[in-house]
Amino acid sequence: MYCKKCGAALPDGAKFCGNCGNMLNAAPAPGQYAAANMPPQGYTQHQRVDQPTVSRITWPPVIGILMAVALVLYIAAQVLDIGNMRYFGVNLGGIVFQTAINVFVPLLAMILFFVPTRRVPVVTAIPRWIALLAAVLSLIMLANNGASSGIFRSQLTTFLLFTLLPTVLYTVGTAAKPRTVVIAIIFLVIALIGFFTNFFGFDWRRLSYGGMERRMGIYMIVSAVADLFAAAAYTIALFCSRRKYYPEKQ
């Protein structure tokens, strides 16, 4: 055998080198191998290299902020609409139901966009389906109250184009794989059509009147703006839900 330090020939079983004094076959220092084999700091046993970051699980803050603004506008519009419903003789149960829906739906949507639901984006469609069911109940009550066929057809058309169709598009856009940008564009176009239809079809002379007419006019404007903010939030969510959460394996 030879000394690993100076290379001198040594008899078998020697404990140290007689030439340079180097210790042979010395036991490793305590903790030598333990320190070498320690995992890197912050490593956990089940950690994945492709684990998603927080920013890829949560929604961009702008979506929640847009929905929060829409919520404030919906609440303001509902306060105005309570007076309108009382003027038209809507009973207390109807007022409570309509107020609860118009406040609860955007509130739930805002919460879902502020919590990490982006991994399963279709969850954010739940508020839209609640609003859709409420709209169906409103149509049923309108028919039972003896509304004219012209008013009922108008409300039904509005429901199909601006409630049912966008809800189905948003649900498909957040659930389908691969998610397509075309759905997001169609959703945005429908929202803009609804907004500009209300904007250009609005009788601005109502604002110069007093009482219920002015209150109804302000309610319609605030509701339309609230719908626009909510549509912007949902459109951004559609675009963001298309991103993958885990990088493709090489």
Protein backbone atom coordinates (compact mmCIF):
# COMPACT_ATOMS: atom_id res chain seq x y z
CA MET A 1 0.00 0.00 0.00
CA TYR A 2 1.08 3.59 -0.49
CA CYS A 3 0.56 6.85 1.38
CA LYS A 4 -2.08 8.95 -0.32
CA LYS A 5 -0.28 12.12 0.72
CA CYS A 6 3.38 11.57 -0.16
CA GLY A 7 3.23 8.33 -2.14
CA ALA A 8 5.69 6.44 0.04
CA ALA A 9 5.48 2.61 0.06
CA LEU A 10 4.07 1.31 3.34
CA PRO A 11 3.51 -2.15 4.81
CA ASP A 12 -0.02 -3.51 4.76
CA GLY A 13 -2.05 -2.57 7.81
CA ALA A 14 0.02 0.54 8.63
CA LYS A 15 -1.83 3.12 10.71
CA PHE A 16 0.30 6.11 9.67
CA CYS A 17 2.95 7.04 7.13
CA GLY A 18 6.48 6.81 8.51
CA ASN A 19 7.66 9.33 5.89
CA CYS A 20 5.21 12.21 6.31
CA GLY A 21 3.19 11.18 9.36
CA ASN A 22 -0.15 11.11 7.52
CA MET A 23 -2.83 9.09 9.34
CA LEU A 24 -4.15 6.18 7.27
CA ASN A 25 -7.71 4.73 7.30
CA ALA A 26 -8.84 7.41 9.75
CA ALA A 27 -12.48 7.37 10.72
CA PRO A 28 -14.47 10.27 9.22
CA ALA A 29 -15.05 13.26 11.44
CA PRO A 30 -18.44 13.32 13.19
CA GLY A 31 -21.12 14.78 10.91
CA GLN A 32 -18.83 14.70 7.82
CA TYR A 33 -21.11 12.48 5.76
CA ALA A 34 -24.27 13.91 7.34
CA ALA A 35 -23.34 17.43 6.24
CA ALA A 36 -22.48 16.24 2.72
CA ASN A 37 -25.78 14.44 2.34
CA MET A 38 -28.01 17.15 3.82
CA PRO A 39 -30.76 18.30 1.41
CA PRO A 40 -30.67 21.94 0.30
CA GLN A 41 -32.28 24.46 2.59
CA GLY A 42 -36.04 24.75 2.14
CA TYR A 43 -36.34 21.29 0.54
CA THR A 44 -39.22 19.05 1.61
CA GLN A 45 -39.58 15.34 0.96
CA HIS A 46 -42.58 15.69 -1.33
CA GLN A 47 -41.45 18.84 -3.11
CA ARG A 48 -41.90 18.82 -6.89
CA VAL A 49 -39.54 20.57 -9.22
CA ASP A 50 -42.48 21.68 -11.37
CA GLN A 51 -44.59 22.87 -8.43
CA PRO A 52 -46.67 25.91 -9.51
CA THR A 53 -45.90 29.28 -8.02
CA VAL A 54 -48.51 31.26 -6.10
CA SER A 55 -48.96 33.72 -8.97
CA ARG A 56 -49.97 30.88 -11.28
CA ILE A 57 -52.61 29.58 -8.85
CA THR A 58 -54.24 32.90 -7.91
CA TRP A 59 -55.99 35.32 -10.24
CA PRO A 60 -54.44 38.67 -11.17
CA PRO A 61 -55.56 41.26 -8.57
CA VAL A 62 -57.12 43.43 -11.30
CA ILE A 63 -59.93 40.87 -11.74
CA GLY A 64 -60.95 41.03 -8.10
CA ILE A 65 -60.67 44.82 -8.11
CA LEU A 66 -62.92 45.12 -11.18
CA MET A 67 -65.47 42.83 -9.56
CA ALA A 68 -65.28 44.84 -6.32
CA VAL A 69 -66.08 48.03 -8.26
CA ALA A 70 -68.97 46.21 -9.95
CA LEU A 71 -70.22 45.08 -6.53
CA VAL A 72 -70.30 48.66 -5.22
CA LEU A 73 -72.18 49.80 -8.32
CA TYR A 74 -74.65 46.90 -8.06
CA ILE A 75 -75.37 47.80 -4.44
CA ALA A 76 -75.94 51.45 -5.39
CA ALA A 77 -78.24 50.41 -8.24
CA GLN A 78 -80.17 48.07 -5.96
CA VAL A 79 -80.74 50.83 -3.42
CA LEU A 80 -82.27 52.91 -6.21
CA ASP A 81 -84.30 49.96 -7.48
CA ILE A 82 -85.93 49.32 -4.10
CA GLY A 83 -87.80 52.61 -4.51
CA ASN A 84 -88.76 51.64 -8.06
CA MET A 85 -90.11 48.25 -6.97
CA ARG A 86 -92.14 49.84 -4.18
CA TYR A 87 -93.59 52.31 -6.69
CA PHE A 88 -94.71 49.43 -8.95
CA GLY A 89 -96.25 47.55 -6.03
CA VAL A 90 -93.73 44.68 -5.72
CA ASN A 91 -94.32 42.84 -2.45
CA LEU A 92 -91.74 42.67 0.32
CA GLY A 93 -90.75 39.10 -0.52
CA GLY A 94 -89.96 40.07 -4.11
CA ILE A 95 -87.92 43.07 -2.99
CA VAL A 96 -85.89 40.97 -0.53
CA PHE A 97 -85.31 38.23 -3.11
CA GLN A 98 -84.20 40.62 -5.85
CA THR A 99 -81.95 42.57 -3.48
CA ALA A 100 -80.34 39.40 -2.12
CA ILE A 101 -79.59 38.07 -5.61
CA ASN A 102 -78.26 41.37 -6.98
CA VAL A 103 -75.88 41.76 -4.02
CA PHE A 104 -74.96 38.12 -3.31
CA VAL A 105 -73.99 37.18 -6.88
CA PRO A 106 -71.30 39.87 -7.43
CA LEU A 107 -70.12 39.42 -3.83
CA LEU A 108 -69.59 35.69 -4.39
CA ALA A 109 -67.86 36.38 -7.71
CA MET A 110 -65.49 38.85 -6.06
CA ILE A 111 -64.61 36.35 -3.32
CA LEU A 112 -63.94 33.57 -5.84
CA PHE A 113 -61.54 35.83 -7.76
CA PHE A 114 -59.63 36.82 -4.61
CA VAL A 115 -59.09 33.21 -3.45
CA PRO A 116 -56.88 30.67 -5.31
CA THR A 117 -59.54 29.15 -7.59
CA ARG A 118 -57.51 29.63 -10.76
CA ARG A 119 -56.40 25.99 -10.74
CA VAL A 120 -60.07 25.09 -11.42
CA PRO A 121 -61.32 28.24 -13.19
CA VAL A 122 -64.77 26.84 -13.97
CA VAL A 123 -65.63 27.34 -10.27
CA THR A 124 -65.91 31.08 -10.97
CA ALA A 125 -68.89 30.36 -13.24
CA ILE A 126 -71.06 29.46 -10.20
CA PRO A 127 -72.25 33.07 -9.58
CA ARG A 128 -73.29 33.40 -13.22
CA TRP A 129 -75.46 30.27 -12.97
CA ILE A 130 -77.06 31.55 -9.76
CA ALA A 131 -77.91 34.80 -11.57
CA LEU A 132 -79.27 32.78 -14.50
CA LEU A 133 -81.59 30.77 -12.25
CA ALA A 134 -82.81 34.01 -10.65
CA ALA A 135 -83.50 35.42 -14.13
CA VAL A 136 -85.52 32.30 -15.00
CA LEU A 137 -87.60 32.77 -11.84
CA SER A 138 -88.16 36.43 -12.78
CA LEU A 139 -89.43 35.39 -16.21
CA ILE A 140 -91.80 32.88 -14.64
CA MET A 141 -93.15 35.50 -12.24
CA LEU A 142 -93.51 37.96 -15.12
CA ALA A 143 -95.59 35.46 -17.05
CA ASN A 144 -97.71 34.60 -14.01
CA ASN A 145 -98.41 38.28 -13.34
CA GLY A 146 -100.07 38.63 -16.73
CA ALA A 147 -97.43 40.62 -18.59
CA SER A 148 -98.22 41.38 -22.20
CA SER A 149 -96.75 39.12 -24.86
CA GLY A 150 -94.62 41.97 -26.22
CA ILE A 151 -92.99 42.70 -22.85
CA PHE A 152 -92.46 38.98 -22.17
CA ARG A 153 -90.82 38.40 -25.57
CA SER A 154 -88.56 41.39 -25.03
CA GLN A 155 -87.48 40.11 -21.61
CA LEU A 156 -87.02 36.58 -22.96
CA THR A 157 -84.82 37.83 -25.81
CA THR A 158 -82.70 39.83 -23.37
CA PHE A 159 -82.37 36.76 -21.16
CA LEU A 160 -81.27 34.49 -24.02
CA LEU A 161 -78.75 36.91 -25.53
CA PHE A 162 -77.27 38.63 -22.50
CA THR A 163 -77.70 36.11 -19.68
CA LEU A 164 -77.91 32.53 -20.97
CA LEU A 165 -75.46 32.79 -23.90
CA PRO A 166 -72.65 34.58 -21.97
CA THR A 167 -73.04 32.16 -19.05
CA VAL A 168 -72.70 29.13 -21.31
CA LEU A 169 -69.75 30.71 -23.12
CA TYR A 170 -67.96 31.53 -19.87
CA THR A 171 -68.54 28.04 -18.48
CA VAL A 172 -67.27 26.36 -21.65
CA GLY A 173 -64.35 28.79 -21.88
CA THR A 174 -63.14 28.01 -18.37
CA ALA A 175 -63.83 24.26 -18.46
CA ALA A 176 -62.89 23.19 -21.98
CA LYS A 177 -59.40 21.98 -22.89
CA PRO A 178 -57.79 23.39 -24.87
CA ARG A 179 -59.39 26.71 -23.97
CA THR A 180 -59.75 28.96 -26.98
CA VAL A 181 -59.32 32.71 -27.15
CA VAL A 182 -62.26 32.89 -29.56
CA ILE A 183 -64.69 32.22 -26.70
CA ALA A 184 -63.23 35.10 -24.70
CA ILE A 185 -63.57 37.45 -27.68
CA ILE A 186 -67.19 36.42 -28.34
CA PHE A 187 -67.99 36.88 -24.64
CA LEU A 188 -66.53 40.39 -24.69
CA VAL A 189 -68.37 41.32 -27.90
CA ILE A 190 -71.72 40.24 -26.42
CA ALA A 191 -71.04 42.27 -23.27
CA LEU A 192 -70.18 45.36 -25.32
CA ILE A 193 -73.29 44.94 -27.47
CA GLY A 194 -75.42 44.78 -24.32
CA PHE A 195 -73.78 47.88 -22.87
CA PHE A 196 -74.05 50.01 -26.01
CA THR A 197 -77.62 48.83 -26.61
CA ASN A 198 -78.57 50.15 -23.18
CA PHE A 199 -76.46 53.29 -23.63
CA PHE A 200 -77.79 54.38 -27.02
CA GLY A 201 -81.32 53.12 -26.35
CA PHE A 202 -81.58 55.01 -23.09
CA ASP A 203 -84.00 57.93 -22.95
CA TRP A 204 -81.73 60.60 -21.47
CA ARG A 205 -84.72 62.89 -20.94
CA ARG A 206 -85.54 60.77 -17.90
CA LEU A 207 -82.72 62.44 -15.99
CA SER A 208 -84.45 65.80 -16.37
CA TYR A 209 -87.67 64.47 -14.89
CA GLY A 210 -88.30 64.13 -11.19
CA GLY A 211 -89.33 61.33 -8.87
CA MET A 212 -89.49 57.79 -10.12
CA GLU A 213 -88.49 58.60 -13.72
CA ARG A 214 -85.16 60.12 -12.67
CA ARG A 215 -84.53 57.33 -10.17
CA MET A 216 -85.24 54.71 -12.83
CA GLY A 217 -82.93 56.44 -15.28
CA ILE A 218 -80.04 56.62 -12.82
CA TYR A 219 -80.66 52.96 -11.90
CA MET A 220 -80.37 51.87 -15.54
CA ILE A 221 -77.13 53.82 -16.07
CA VAL A 222 -75.48 52.51 -12.90
CA SER A 223 -76.56 48.94 -13.68
CA ALA A 224 -75.15 49.15 -17.21
CA VAL A 225 -71.79 50.43 -15.94
CA ALA A 226 -71.72 47.70 -13.28
CA ASP A 227 -72.38 45.08 -15.95
CA LEU A 228 -69.47 46.48 -17.97
CA PHE A 229 -67.03 46.21 -15.04
CA ALA A 230 -68.19 42.66 -14.31
CA ALA A 231 -67.84 41.71 -17.99
CA ALA A 232 -64.29 43.10 -18.03
CA ALA A 233 -63.40 40.96 -14.99
CA TYR A 234 -64.86 37.82 -16.56
CA THR A 235 -63.16 38.49 -19.89
CA ILE A 236 -59.73 38.83 -18.26
CA ALA A 237 -60.44 35.64 -16.32
CA LEU A 238 -61.18 33.83 -19.59
CA PHE A 239 -57.84 34.89 -21.04
CA CYS A 240 -55.96 34.01 -17.83
CA SER A 241 -57.59 30.59 -17.50
CA ARG A 242 -55.94 29.53 -20.77
CA ARG A 243 -52.45 29.48 -19.19
CA LYS A 244 -50.96 26.16 -18.12
CA TYR A 245 -50.05 25.67 -14.49
CA TYR A 246 -47.23 23.17 -14.89
CA PRO A 247 -44.42 23.47 -17.44
CA GLU A 248 -44.31 20.71 -20.00
CA LYS A 249 -41.79 18.00 -19.23
CA GLN A 250 -38.84 17.94 -21.54
